[in-house]
């Protein structure tokens, strides 16, 4: 069993920032990430035209400001490059392909015991830590609600996390469910590719 001061679950921006702050203070830590890369939601499950909705001065991680040459509302690719350089410069060493299957607190030893499966080797790994930080995010699991008749629908049904660009839907009828940031931007993208787009939402908007 490996012992560290802090165990961090998730190598998204929050998990990476936590590790960076601990590294600066010379506090031992380990970052366990089930995917094979950091910031996987940005790298694997974001549409091509995505950009940050907040100005760059509000989107910096600790100890690293954005370049003065970076646009105010940066693209996802720019942000991904920033995160990759952040990992390198702040000496963060996530352990990828580690799926945490349990985390229990031992009242006797006053330690967290974390069990993680190494998806690359198939072996289980054990960690003991004084503190546990869960930074797995609230959007890590896509959700498609059960809609009556959906199972008999002959067209394609995808979650926004699987959408990349509107080219495959050019000239087609597309229904977008939801008017959050993703729904509105994807609808706009579809329109740019000449898809016939309709949005449905649960609540009235003014």
N, C-alpha and C. Protein backbone atom coordinates (compact mmCIF):
# COMPACT_ATOMS: atom_id res chain seq x y z
N UNK A 1 0.84 -1.20 0.00
CA UNK A 1 0.00 0.00 0.00
C UNK A 1 0.88 1.25 0.00
N UNK A 2 0.55 2.17 -0.88
CA UNK A 2 1.31 3.42 -0.96
C UNK A 2 0.67 4.47 -0.07
N UNK A 3 1.48 5.18 0.70
CA UNK A 3 0.98 6.21 1.60
C UNK A 3 1.37 7.60 1.10
N UNK A 4 0.37 8.48 1.08
CA UNK A 4 0.59 9.88 0.72
C UNK A 4 -0.22 10.75 1.67
N UNK A 5 0.12 11.99 1.69
CA UNK A 5 -0.62 12.92 2.57
C UNK A 5 -2.03 13.18 2.03
N UNK A 6 -2.13 13.37 0.71
CA UNK A 6 -3.41 13.70 0.08
C UNK A 6 -3.62 12.85 -1.16
N UNK A 7 -4.80 12.23 -1.27
CA UNK A 7 -5.18 11.52 -2.49
C UNK A 7 -6.23 12.35 -3.21
N UNK A 8 -6.04 12.53 -4.51
CA UNK A 8 -6.94 13.36 -5.31
C UNK A 8 -7.55 12.49 -6.40
N UNK A 9 -8.86 12.48 -6.48
CA UNK A 9 -9.56 11.69 -7.50
C UNK A 9 -10.00 12.63 -8.61
N UNK A 10 -9.40 12.49 -9.78
CA UNK A 10 -9.77 13.31 -10.92
C UNK A 10 -8.66 14.25 -11.35
N UNK A 11 -8.34 14.22 -12.65
CA UNK A 11 -7.29 15.08 -13.20
C UNK A 11 -7.87 16.12 -14.14
N UNK A 12 -9.03 16.66 -13.76
CA UNK A 12 -9.54 17.83 -14.45
C UNK A 12 -8.89 19.07 -13.87
N UNK A 13 -9.31 20.26 -14.29
CA UNK A 13 -8.69 21.48 -13.79
C UNK A 13 -8.67 21.59 -12.26
N UNK A 14 -9.74 21.18 -11.59
CA UNK A 14 -9.78 21.30 -10.13
C UNK A 14 -8.78 20.36 -9.46
N UNK A 15 -8.74 19.11 -9.93
CA UNK A 15 -7.79 18.16 -9.36
C UNK A 15 -6.35 18.58 -9.61
N UNK A 16 -6.08 19.08 -10.80
CA UNK A 16 -4.74 19.53 -11.13
C UNK A 16 -4.33 20.74 -10.29
N UNK A 17 -5.26 21.67 -10.11
CA UNK A 17 -4.97 22.85 -9.31
C UNK A 17 -4.68 22.47 -7.86
N UNK A 18 -5.43 21.51 -7.34
CA UNK A 18 -5.20 21.05 -5.97
C UNK A 18 -3.81 20.45 -5.83
N UNK A 19 -3.43 19.61 -6.80
CA UNK A 19 -2.10 19.00 -6.77
C UNK A 19 -1.01 20.06 -6.87
N UNK A 20 -1.21 21.05 -7.71
CA UNK A 20 -0.21 22.12 -7.87
C UNK A 20 0.02 22.86 -6.56
N UNK A 21 -1.07 23.20 -5.88
CA UNK A 21 -0.96 23.93 -4.61
C UNK A 21 -0.25 23.09 -3.56
N UNK A 22 -0.51 21.80 -3.55
CA UNK A 22 0.16 20.91 -2.61
C UNK A 22 1.64 20.77 -2.95
N UNK A 23 1.94 20.68 -4.24
CA UNK A 23 3.34 20.58 -4.66
C UNK A 23 4.15 21.80 -4.23
N UNK A 24 3.55 22.97 -4.36
CA UNK A 24 4.23 24.20 -3.97
C UNK A 24 4.59 24.16 -2.48
N UNK A 25 3.75 23.52 -1.68
CA UNK A 25 3.97 23.42 -0.24
C UNK A 25 4.73 22.15 0.14
N UNK A 26 5.21 21.40 -0.86
CA UNK A 26 5.95 20.14 -0.64
C UNK A 26 5.14 19.13 0.18
N UNK A 27 3.85 19.07 -0.12
CA UNK A 27 2.95 18.10 0.52
C UNK A 27 2.72 16.95 -0.44
N UNK A 28 3.03 15.75 -0.02
CA UNK A 28 2.93 14.60 -0.92
C UNK A 28 1.48 14.35 -1.33
N UNK A 29 1.29 14.03 -2.59
CA UNK A 29 -0.06 13.79 -3.09
C UNK A 29 -0.01 12.89 -4.32
N UNK A 30 -1.14 12.27 -4.60
CA UNK A 30 -1.27 11.45 -5.80
C UNK A 30 -2.59 11.79 -6.47
N UNK A 31 -2.57 11.92 -7.79
CA UNK A 31 -3.77 12.21 -8.58
C UNK A 31 -4.14 10.95 -9.34
N UNK A 32 -5.34 10.44 -9.10
CA UNK A 32 -5.82 9.23 -9.75
C UNK A 32 -6.89 9.61 -10.77
N UNK A 33 -6.66 9.26 -12.02
CA UNK A 33 -7.55 9.63 -13.12
C UNK A 33 -7.92 8.39 -13.91
N UNK A 34 -9.22 8.17 -14.11
CA UNK A 34 -9.65 6.94 -14.80
C UNK A 34 -9.43 6.99 -16.30
N UNK A 35 -9.37 8.19 -16.88
CA UNK A 35 -9.09 8.30 -18.31
C UNK A 35 -7.58 8.24 -18.56
N UNK A 36 -7.19 8.28 -19.84
CA UNK A 36 -5.77 8.17 -20.18
C UNK A 36 -5.13 9.53 -20.40
N UNK A 37 -5.79 10.59 -19.94
CA UNK A 37 -5.26 11.94 -20.10
C UNK A 37 -5.87 12.84 -19.04
N UNK A 38 -5.27 14.01 -18.87
CA UNK A 38 -5.87 15.00 -17.98
C UNK A 38 -6.92 15.80 -18.76
N UNK A 39 -7.80 16.47 -18.03
CA UNK A 39 -8.84 17.31 -18.65
C UNK A 39 -9.58 16.56 -19.76
N UNK A 40 -9.99 15.33 -19.47
CA UNK A 40 -10.58 14.48 -20.50
C UNK A 40 -11.89 15.02 -21.06
N UNK A 41 -12.68 15.73 -20.23
CA UNK A 41 -13.93 16.29 -20.75
C UNK A 41 -13.64 17.32 -21.84
N UNK A 42 -12.57 18.07 -21.67
CA UNK A 42 -12.20 19.07 -22.67
C UNK A 42 -11.60 18.42 -23.90
N UNK A 43 -10.82 17.38 -23.70
CA UNK A 43 -10.11 16.76 -24.82
C UNK A 43 -10.97 15.76 -25.61
N UNK A 44 -11.90 15.09 -24.94
CA UNK A 44 -12.61 13.99 -25.58
C UNK A 44 -14.11 14.24 -25.79
N UNK A 45 -14.69 15.13 -25.00
CA UNK A 45 -16.15 15.23 -25.03
C UNK A 45 -16.63 16.66 -25.18
N UNK A 46 -15.91 17.44 -25.95
CA UNK A 46 -16.31 18.82 -26.20
C UNK A 46 -16.42 19.06 -27.69
N UNK A 47 -17.41 19.83 -28.10
CA UNK A 47 -17.60 20.12 -29.53
C UNK A 47 -16.54 21.08 -30.02
N UNK A 48 -16.30 21.06 -31.31
CA UNK A 48 -15.14 21.74 -31.90
C UNK A 48 -15.16 23.25 -31.69
N UNK A 49 -16.32 23.88 -31.72
CA UNK A 49 -16.36 25.33 -31.65
C UNK A 49 -16.43 25.86 -30.22
N UNK A 50 -16.34 24.99 -29.25
CA UNK A 50 -16.46 25.39 -27.85
C UNK A 50 -15.39 26.42 -27.48
N UNK A 51 -15.81 27.44 -26.75
CA UNK A 51 -14.87 28.40 -26.18
C UNK A 51 -15.34 28.74 -24.77
N UNK A 52 -14.42 29.25 -23.96
CA UNK A 52 -14.79 29.61 -22.60
C UNK A 52 -15.77 30.78 -22.61
N UNK A 53 -16.73 30.74 -21.68
CA UNK A 53 -17.74 31.79 -21.61
C UNK A 53 -17.32 32.91 -20.66
N UNK A 54 -16.29 32.67 -19.89
CA UNK A 54 -15.76 33.69 -18.99
C UNK A 54 -14.45 34.24 -19.55
N UNK A 55 -14.18 35.49 -19.23
CA UNK A 55 -12.93 36.10 -19.68
C UNK A 55 -11.75 35.38 -19.05
N UNK A 56 -10.63 35.38 -19.75
CA UNK A 56 -9.47 34.58 -19.35
C UNK A 56 -8.97 34.90 -17.95
N UNK A 57 -9.14 36.15 -17.49
CA UNK A 57 -8.64 36.49 -16.15
C UNK A 57 -9.40 35.78 -15.05
N UNK A 58 -10.57 35.22 -15.39
CA UNK A 58 -11.34 34.48 -14.41
C UNK A 58 -11.16 32.97 -14.57
N UNK A 59 -10.30 32.56 -15.48
CA UNK A 59 -10.15 31.13 -15.80
C UNK A 59 -8.71 30.65 -15.65
N UNK A 60 -7.93 31.36 -14.86
CA UNK A 60 -6.55 30.92 -14.62
C UNK A 60 -6.52 29.93 -13.46
N UNK A 61 -5.60 28.98 -13.52
CA UNK A 61 -5.36 28.07 -12.42
C UNK A 61 -4.25 28.66 -11.54
N UNK A 62 -4.14 28.23 -10.29
CA UNK A 62 -3.15 28.81 -9.37
C UNK A 62 -1.73 28.75 -9.91
N UNK A 63 -1.01 29.85 -9.75
CA UNK A 63 0.42 29.96 -10.07
C UNK A 63 0.71 30.04 -11.57
N UNK A 64 -0.32 30.21 -12.40
CA UNK A 64 -0.05 30.34 -13.84
C UNK A 64 -1.13 31.19 -14.50
N UNK A 65 -0.77 32.40 -14.87
CA UNK A 65 -1.70 33.27 -15.58
C UNK A 65 -1.69 32.94 -17.07
N UNK A 66 -2.74 33.33 -17.75
CA UNK A 66 -2.79 33.16 -19.20
C UNK A 66 -1.89 34.20 -19.86
N UNK A 67 -1.41 33.86 -21.03
CA UNK A 67 -0.54 34.76 -21.77
C UNK A 67 -1.30 36.03 -22.18
N UNK A 68 -0.57 37.12 -22.26
CA UNK A 68 -1.18 38.38 -22.72
C UNK A 68 -1.65 38.27 -24.16
N UNK A 69 -1.09 37.31 -24.91
CA UNK A 69 -1.48 37.11 -26.30
C UNK A 69 -2.73 36.25 -26.45
N UNK A 70 -3.15 35.62 -25.36
CA UNK A 70 -4.34 34.77 -25.41
C UNK A 70 -5.59 35.62 -25.54
N UNK A 71 -6.51 35.22 -26.41
CA UNK A 71 -7.74 35.97 -26.59
C UNK A 71 -8.56 35.98 -25.30
N UNK A 72 -9.38 37.00 -25.13
CA UNK A 72 -10.15 37.15 -23.90
C UNK A 72 -11.04 35.94 -23.65
N UNK A 73 -11.72 35.46 -24.69
CA UNK A 73 -12.56 34.27 -24.58
C UNK A 73 -11.90 33.18 -25.43
N UNK A 74 -11.09 32.38 -24.79
CA UNK A 74 -10.24 31.45 -25.54
C UNK A 74 -10.99 30.22 -26.01
N UNK A 75 -10.49 29.61 -27.07
CA UNK A 75 -11.05 28.37 -27.60
C UNK A 75 -10.69 27.20 -26.70
N UNK A 76 -11.38 26.10 -26.88
CA UNK A 76 -11.08 24.92 -26.07
C UNK A 76 -9.66 24.42 -26.34
N UNK A 77 -9.21 24.51 -27.58
CA UNK A 77 -7.86 24.05 -27.90
C UNK A 77 -6.80 24.89 -27.19
N UNK A 78 -7.05 26.19 -27.10
CA UNK A 78 -6.12 27.06 -26.37
C UNK A 78 -6.10 26.70 -24.89
N UNK A 79 -7.28 26.43 -24.34
CA UNK A 79 -7.35 26.07 -22.93
C UNK A 79 -6.69 24.72 -22.67
N UNK A 80 -6.86 23.78 -23.58
CA UNK A 80 -6.22 22.46 -23.43
C UNK A 80 -4.70 22.61 -23.43
N UNK A 81 -4.16 23.45 -24.31
CA UNK A 81 -2.71 23.68 -24.34
C UNK A 81 -2.25 24.29 -23.03
N UNK A 82 -3.05 25.20 -22.49
CA UNK A 82 -2.74 25.82 -21.21
C UNK A 82 -2.69 24.77 -20.10
N UNK A 83 -3.68 23.86 -20.07
CA UNK A 83 -3.72 22.82 -19.04
C UNK A 83 -2.52 21.88 -19.17
N UNK A 84 -2.19 21.50 -20.39
CA UNK A 84 -1.04 20.60 -20.59
C UNK A 84 0.26 21.25 -20.11
N UNK A 85 0.44 22.52 -20.39
CA UNK A 85 1.65 23.21 -19.93
C UNK A 85 1.62 23.38 -18.41
N UNK A 86 0.44 23.54 -17.86
CA UNK A 86 0.28 23.66 -16.40
C UNK A 86 0.76 22.39 -15.70
N UNK A 87 0.36 21.24 -16.23
CA UNK A 87 0.77 19.95 -15.66
C UNK A 87 2.29 19.83 -15.67
N UNK A 88 2.91 20.22 -16.77
CA UNK A 88 4.35 20.11 -16.90
C UNK A 88 5.09 21.09 -16.00
N UNK A 89 4.66 22.34 -16.00
CA UNK A 89 5.37 23.38 -15.25
C UNK A 89 5.20 23.26 -13.75
N UNK A 90 4.07 22.75 -13.30
CA UNK A 90 3.81 22.64 -11.86
C UNK A 90 4.13 21.25 -11.31
N UNK A 91 4.81 20.45 -12.12
CA UNK A 91 5.29 19.13 -11.69
C UNK A 91 4.17 18.22 -11.18
N UNK A 92 3.08 18.21 -11.92
CA UNK A 92 1.95 17.34 -11.57
C UNK A 92 2.10 16.03 -12.34
N UNK A 93 1.94 14.93 -11.65
CA UNK A 93 2.14 13.62 -12.29
C UNK A 93 0.92 12.73 -12.06
N UNK A 94 -0.16 12.99 -12.77
CA UNK A 94 -1.35 12.15 -12.60
C UNK A 94 -1.06 10.70 -12.97
N UNK A 95 -1.74 9.80 -12.30
CA UNK A 95 -1.67 8.38 -12.65
C UNK A 95 -2.93 8.06 -13.43
N UNK A 96 -2.74 7.87 -14.72
CA UNK A 96 -3.88 7.68 -15.61
C UNK A 96 -4.36 6.23 -15.61
N UNK A 97 -5.56 6.04 -16.13
CA UNK A 97 -6.18 4.71 -16.23
C UNK A 97 -6.35 4.06 -14.86
N UNK A 98 -6.54 4.91 -13.84
CA UNK A 98 -6.81 4.42 -12.49
C UNK A 98 -8.27 4.71 -12.14
N UNK A 99 -9.06 3.68 -12.07
CA UNK A 99 -10.48 3.82 -11.75
C UNK A 99 -10.67 3.53 -10.26
N UNK A 100 -11.02 4.55 -9.50
CA UNK A 100 -11.23 4.37 -8.06
C UNK A 100 -12.53 3.61 -7.84
N UNK A 101 -12.43 2.48 -7.16
CA UNK A 101 -13.60 1.64 -6.92
C UNK A 101 -14.12 1.76 -5.49
N UNK A 102 -13.27 2.22 -4.56
CA UNK A 102 -13.74 2.42 -3.19
C UNK A 102 -12.83 3.39 -2.46
N UNK A 103 -13.41 4.10 -1.49
CA UNK A 103 -12.66 5.00 -0.62
C UNK A 103 -13.33 4.96 0.74
N UNK A 104 -12.64 4.38 1.71
CA UNK A 104 -13.19 4.21 3.05
C UNK A 104 -12.27 4.84 4.08
N UNK A 105 -12.88 5.44 5.11
CA UNK A 105 -12.08 6.06 6.16
C UNK A 105 -11.95 5.11 7.33
N UNK A 106 -10.70 4.79 7.70
CA UNK A 106 -10.40 3.91 8.83
C UNK A 106 -10.38 4.74 10.11
N UNK A 107 -11.40 4.59 10.93
CA UNK A 107 -11.51 5.38 12.15
C UNK A 107 -10.39 5.08 13.14
N UNK A 108 -9.90 3.86 13.11
CA UNK A 108 -8.83 3.48 14.04
C UNK A 108 -7.51 4.14 13.66
N UNK A 109 -7.15 4.03 12.38
CA UNK A 109 -5.88 4.59 11.91
C UNK A 109 -5.98 6.04 11.48
N UNK A 110 -7.23 6.54 11.39
CA UNK A 110 -7.48 7.91 10.94
C UNK A 110 -6.87 8.14 9.56
N UNK A 111 -7.09 7.18 8.69
CA UNK A 111 -6.57 7.24 7.33
C UNK A 111 -7.66 6.87 6.33
N UNK A 112 -7.57 7.46 5.16
CA UNK A 112 -8.39 7.02 4.04
C UNK A 112 -7.70 5.84 3.37
N UNK A 113 -8.47 4.84 3.02
CA UNK A 113 -7.95 3.71 2.25
C UNK A 113 -8.66 3.73 0.89
N UNK A 114 -7.90 3.89 -0.15
CA UNK A 114 -8.46 4.00 -1.51
C UNK A 114 -8.02 2.81 -2.33
N UNK A 115 -8.99 2.19 -2.98
CA UNK A 115 -8.69 1.08 -3.88
C UNK A 115 -8.97 1.54 -5.31
N UNK A 116 -7.99 1.35 -6.17
CA UNK A 116 -8.14 1.77 -7.57
C UNK A 116 -7.70 0.65 -8.50
N UNK A 117 -8.44 0.49 -9.58
CA UNK A 117 -8.06 -0.51 -10.57
C UNK A 117 -7.22 0.14 -11.65
N UNK A 118 -6.06 -0.44 -11.91
CA UNK A 118 -5.21 0.01 -13.00
C UNK A 118 -5.76 -0.63 -14.27
N UNK A 119 -6.45 0.18 -15.08
CA UNK A 119 -7.11 -0.36 -16.27
C UNK A 119 -6.10 -0.86 -17.30
N UNK A 120 -4.89 -0.38 -17.24
CA UNK A 120 -3.87 -0.81 -18.20
C UNK A 120 -3.36 -2.21 -17.88
N UNK A 121 -3.15 -2.48 -16.58
CA UNK A 121 -2.61 -3.78 -16.18
C UNK A 121 -3.66 -4.73 -15.65
N UNK A 122 -4.82 -4.17 -15.27
CA UNK A 122 -5.88 -5.00 -14.69
C UNK A 122 -5.69 -5.26 -13.21
N UNK A 123 -4.63 -4.72 -12.62
CA UNK A 123 -4.33 -4.97 -11.21
C UNK A 123 -4.97 -3.91 -10.31
N UNK A 124 -5.23 -4.30 -9.07
CA UNK A 124 -5.75 -3.37 -8.07
C UNK A 124 -4.59 -2.71 -7.35
N UNK A 125 -4.75 -1.43 -7.02
CA UNK A 125 -3.75 -0.67 -6.29
C UNK A 125 -4.37 -0.09 -5.03
N UNK A 126 -3.62 -0.04 -3.95
CA UNK A 126 -4.12 0.48 -2.68
C UNK A 126 -3.32 1.71 -2.26
N UNK A 127 -4.04 2.70 -1.77
CA UNK A 127 -3.41 3.93 -1.30
C UNK A 127 -3.97 4.27 0.08
N UNK A 128 -3.12 4.84 0.92
CA UNK A 128 -3.54 5.34 2.23
C UNK A 128 -3.20 6.82 2.29
N UNK A 129 -4.15 7.63 2.75
CA UNK A 129 -3.91 9.07 2.81
C UNK A 129 -4.59 9.68 4.02
N UNK A 130 -4.07 10.81 4.44
CA UNK A 130 -4.70 11.54 5.54
C UNK A 130 -5.92 12.31 5.06
N UNK A 131 -5.88 12.74 3.80
CA UNK A 131 -6.97 13.52 3.24
C UNK A 131 -7.35 12.98 1.87
N UNK A 132 -8.62 13.11 1.55
CA UNK A 132 -9.14 12.69 0.25
C UNK A 132 -9.84 13.85 -0.42
N UNK A 133 -9.45 14.17 -1.63
CA UNK A 133 -10.11 15.24 -2.41
C UNK A 133 -10.79 14.60 -3.61
N UNK A 134 -12.10 14.74 -3.69
CA UNK A 134 -12.86 14.20 -4.82
C UNK A 134 -13.07 15.33 -5.82
N UNK A 135 -12.40 15.23 -6.97
CA UNK A 135 -12.47 16.26 -8.00
C UNK A 135 -12.89 15.64 -9.33
N UNK A 136 -13.87 14.76 -9.24
CA UNK A 136 -14.30 14.02 -10.43
C UNK A 136 -15.31 14.78 -11.27
N UNK A 137 -15.79 15.93 -10.76
CA UNK A 137 -16.68 16.77 -11.56
C UNK A 137 -18.13 16.32 -11.52
N UNK A 138 -19.02 17.23 -11.89
CA UNK A 138 -20.45 16.93 -11.87
C UNK A 138 -20.97 16.56 -13.25
N UNK A 139 -20.13 16.67 -14.28
CA UNK A 139 -20.58 16.39 -15.65
C UNK A 139 -19.86 15.20 -16.27
N UNK A 140 -19.35 14.32 -15.43
CA UNK A 140 -18.54 13.23 -15.96
C UNK A 140 -19.38 12.11 -16.59
N UNK A 141 -20.66 12.03 -16.23
CA UNK A 141 -21.51 10.97 -16.75
C UNK A 141 -22.64 11.56 -17.59
N UNK A 142 -22.68 11.28 -18.89
CA UNK A 142 -23.79 11.79 -19.73
C UNK A 142 -25.12 11.18 -19.32
N UNK A 143 -26.18 11.95 -19.42
CA UNK A 143 -27.51 11.48 -19.03
C UNK A 143 -28.52 11.78 -20.13
N UNK A 144 -29.16 10.74 -20.62
CA UNK A 144 -30.25 10.89 -21.59
C UNK A 144 -31.52 10.39 -20.91
N UNK A 145 -32.50 11.26 -20.66
CA UNK A 145 -33.71 10.84 -19.95
C UNK A 145 -34.53 9.84 -20.77
N UNK A 146 -35.30 9.04 -20.07
CA UNK A 146 -36.17 8.09 -20.73
C UNK A 146 -37.41 8.82 -21.25
N UNK A 147 -37.49 8.94 -22.55
CA UNK A 147 -38.62 9.61 -23.20
C UNK A 147 -39.47 8.56 -23.91
N UNK A 148 -40.76 8.60 -23.67
CA UNK A 148 -41.64 7.61 -24.27
C UNK A 148 -41.53 7.65 -25.80
N UNK A 149 -41.32 6.50 -26.40
CA UNK A 149 -41.21 6.38 -27.84
C UNK A 149 -39.79 6.48 -28.36
N UNK A 150 -38.85 6.85 -27.49
CA UNK A 150 -37.46 7.01 -27.94
C UNK A 150 -36.87 5.71 -28.46
N UNK A 151 -37.29 4.60 -27.84
CA UNK A 151 -36.73 3.31 -28.24
C UNK A 151 -37.12 2.90 -29.66
N UNK A 152 -38.21 3.47 -30.17
CA UNK A 152 -38.65 3.12 -31.52
C UNK A 152 -38.26 4.18 -32.56
N UNK A 153 -37.60 5.24 -32.09
CA UNK A 153 -37.17 6.30 -33.01
C UNK A 153 -36.09 5.75 -33.93
N UNK A 154 -36.22 5.98 -35.23
CA UNK A 154 -35.31 5.41 -36.22
C UNK A 154 -34.07 6.27 -36.47
N UNK A 155 -34.10 7.50 -36.01
CA UNK A 155 -32.96 8.38 -36.26
C UNK A 155 -31.87 8.22 -35.21
N UNK A 156 -30.85 9.03 -35.32
CA UNK A 156 -29.72 8.99 -34.39
C UNK A 156 -30.05 9.78 -33.14
N UNK A 157 -29.68 9.24 -31.99
CA UNK A 157 -29.85 9.93 -30.71
C UNK A 157 -28.47 10.00 -30.04
N UNK A 158 -28.00 11.21 -29.77
CA UNK A 158 -26.69 11.36 -29.11
C UNK A 158 -26.79 12.36 -27.97
N UNK A 159 -25.89 12.22 -27.03
CA UNK A 159 -25.74 13.20 -25.96
C UNK A 159 -24.82 14.32 -26.44
N UNK A 160 -24.97 15.49 -25.87
CA UNK A 160 -24.15 16.63 -26.30
C UNK A 160 -22.66 16.35 -26.15
N UNK A 161 -22.28 15.48 -25.21
CA UNK A 161 -20.87 15.17 -25.02
C UNK A 161 -20.28 14.39 -26.19
N UNK A 162 -21.14 13.82 -27.04
CA UNK A 162 -20.67 13.08 -28.21
C UNK A 162 -20.74 13.92 -29.49
N UNK A 163 -21.25 15.12 -29.38
CA UNK A 163 -21.37 16.01 -30.55
C UNK A 163 -20.04 16.70 -30.82
N UNK A 164 -19.62 16.72 -32.07
CA UNK A 164 -18.37 17.39 -32.44
C UNK A 164 -18.62 18.61 -33.33
N UNK A 165 -19.33 18.42 -34.44
CA UNK A 165 -19.65 19.55 -35.31
C UNK A 165 -20.89 19.19 -36.12
N UNK A 166 -21.43 20.20 -36.83
CA UNK A 166 -22.69 20.02 -37.53
C UNK A 166 -22.61 19.42 -38.92
N UNK A 167 -21.41 19.18 -39.43
CA UNK A 167 -21.27 18.69 -40.79
C UNK A 167 -22.07 17.41 -41.06
N UNK A 168 -22.06 16.40 -40.17
CA UNK A 168 -22.82 15.17 -40.46
C UNK A 168 -24.33 15.40 -40.52
N UNK A 169 -24.79 16.56 -40.05
CA UNK A 169 -26.23 16.81 -39.98
C UNK A 169 -26.68 17.85 -41.01
N UNK A 170 -25.82 18.17 -41.95
CA UNK A 170 -26.15 19.16 -42.97
C UNK A 170 -27.41 18.75 -43.72
N UNK A 171 -28.37 19.68 -43.79
CA UNK A 171 -29.61 19.44 -44.52
C UNK A 171 -30.60 18.53 -43.81
N UNK A 172 -30.32 18.14 -42.58
CA UNK A 172 -31.20 17.21 -41.87
C UNK A 172 -32.05 17.95 -40.82
N UNK A 173 -33.12 17.30 -40.41
CA UNK A 173 -33.94 17.81 -39.31
C UNK A 173 -33.32 17.35 -37.99
N UNK A 174 -33.03 18.30 -37.10
CA UNK A 174 -32.39 17.96 -35.83
C UNK A 174 -33.16 18.61 -34.69
N UNK A 175 -33.47 17.81 -33.68
CA UNK A 175 -34.13 18.32 -32.48
C UNK A 175 -33.10 18.38 -31.35
N UNK A 176 -32.93 19.56 -30.77
CA UNK A 176 -32.03 19.75 -29.64
C UNK A 176 -32.87 19.92 -28.38
N UNK A 177 -32.61 19.08 -27.38
CA UNK A 177 -33.37 19.14 -26.14
C UNK A 177 -32.55 19.89 -25.10
N UNK A 178 -33.06 21.04 -24.67
CA UNK A 178 -32.38 21.84 -23.66
C UNK A 178 -31.78 23.10 -24.22
N UNK A 179 -31.82 24.18 -23.43
CA UNK A 179 -31.31 25.48 -23.90
C UNK A 179 -30.22 26.01 -22.98
N UNK A 180 -29.47 25.11 -22.37
CA UNK A 180 -28.30 25.55 -21.63
C UNK A 180 -27.21 25.98 -22.59
N UNK A 181 -26.04 26.24 -22.07
CA UNK A 181 -24.94 26.69 -22.93
C UNK A 181 -24.68 25.73 -24.08
N UNK A 182 -24.61 24.44 -23.76
CA UNK A 182 -24.33 23.45 -24.80
C UNK A 182 -25.45 23.39 -25.83
N UNK A 183 -26.69 23.37 -25.35
CA UNK A 183 -27.82 23.28 -26.27
C UNK A 183 -27.89 24.46 -27.22
N UNK A 184 -27.67 25.67 -26.71
CA UNK A 184 -27.75 26.86 -27.55
C UNK A 184 -26.59 26.92 -28.54
N UNK A 185 -25.38 26.59 -28.08
CA UNK A 185 -24.23 26.66 -28.98
C UNK A 185 -24.28 25.57 -30.04
N UNK A 186 -24.73 24.38 -29.66
CA UNK A 186 -24.85 23.30 -30.64
C UNK A 186 -25.93 23.64 -31.66
N UNK A 187 -27.03 24.24 -31.22
CA UNK A 187 -28.08 24.66 -32.15
C UNK A 187 -27.55 25.68 -33.15
N UNK A 188 -26.76 26.61 -32.66
CA UNK A 188 -26.15 27.62 -33.54
C UNK A 188 -25.20 26.96 -34.53
N UNK A 189 -24.42 26.01 -34.04
CA UNK A 189 -23.47 25.32 -34.91
C UNK A 189 -24.22 24.53 -36.00
N UNK A 190 -25.28 23.87 -35.62
CA UNK A 190 -26.08 23.10 -36.59
C UNK A 190 -26.64 24.02 -37.67
N UNK A 191 -27.11 25.19 -37.25
CA UNK A 191 -27.65 26.15 -38.21
C UNK A 191 -26.58 26.62 -39.20
N UNK A 192 -25.36 26.80 -38.70
CA UNK A 192 -24.26 27.20 -39.58
C UNK A 192 -23.99 26.14 -40.65
N UNK A 193 -24.31 24.89 -40.34
CA UNK A 193 -24.14 23.80 -41.29
C UNK A 193 -25.44 23.47 -42.04
N UNK A 194 -26.38 24.41 -41.98
CA UNK A 194 -27.63 24.34 -42.75
C UNK A 194 -28.51 23.15 -42.35
N UNK A 195 -28.42 22.76 -41.08
CA UNK A 195 -29.36 21.77 -40.56
C UNK A 195 -30.65 22.51 -40.18
N UNK A 196 -31.77 21.82 -40.27
CA UNK A 196 -33.05 22.39 -39.88
C UNK A 196 -33.24 22.07 -38.39
N UNK A 197 -32.95 23.06 -37.56
CA UNK A 197 -32.81 22.83 -36.11
C UNK A 197 -34.00 23.36 -35.34
N UNK A 198 -34.49 22.55 -34.42
CA UNK A 198 -35.55 22.95 -33.50
C UNK A 198 -35.08 22.69 -32.07
N UNK A 199 -35.37 23.61 -31.16
CA UNK A 199 -35.01 23.46 -29.75
C UNK A 199 -36.28 23.28 -28.93
N UNK A 200 -36.28 22.31 -28.03
CA UNK A 200 -37.38 22.17 -27.07
C UNK A 200 -36.80 22.32 -25.67
N UNK A 201 -37.54 22.99 -24.81
CA UNK A 201 -37.09 23.22 -23.44
C UNK A 201 -38.23 22.92 -22.47
N UNK A 202 -37.86 22.64 -21.24
CA UNK A 202 -38.83 22.21 -20.24
C UNK A 202 -39.63 23.38 -19.68
N UNK A 203 -38.98 24.54 -19.52
CA UNK A 203 -39.62 25.67 -18.88
C UNK A 203 -39.71 26.84 -19.85
N UNK A 204 -40.72 27.71 -19.67
CA UNK A 204 -40.82 28.88 -20.56
C UNK A 204 -39.69 29.86 -20.29
N UNK A 205 -39.22 30.51 -21.35
CA UNK A 205 -38.18 31.53 -21.23
C UNK A 205 -38.67 32.80 -21.89
N UNK A 206 -38.18 33.93 -21.39
CA UNK A 206 -38.60 35.22 -21.96
C UNK A 206 -37.50 35.75 -22.87
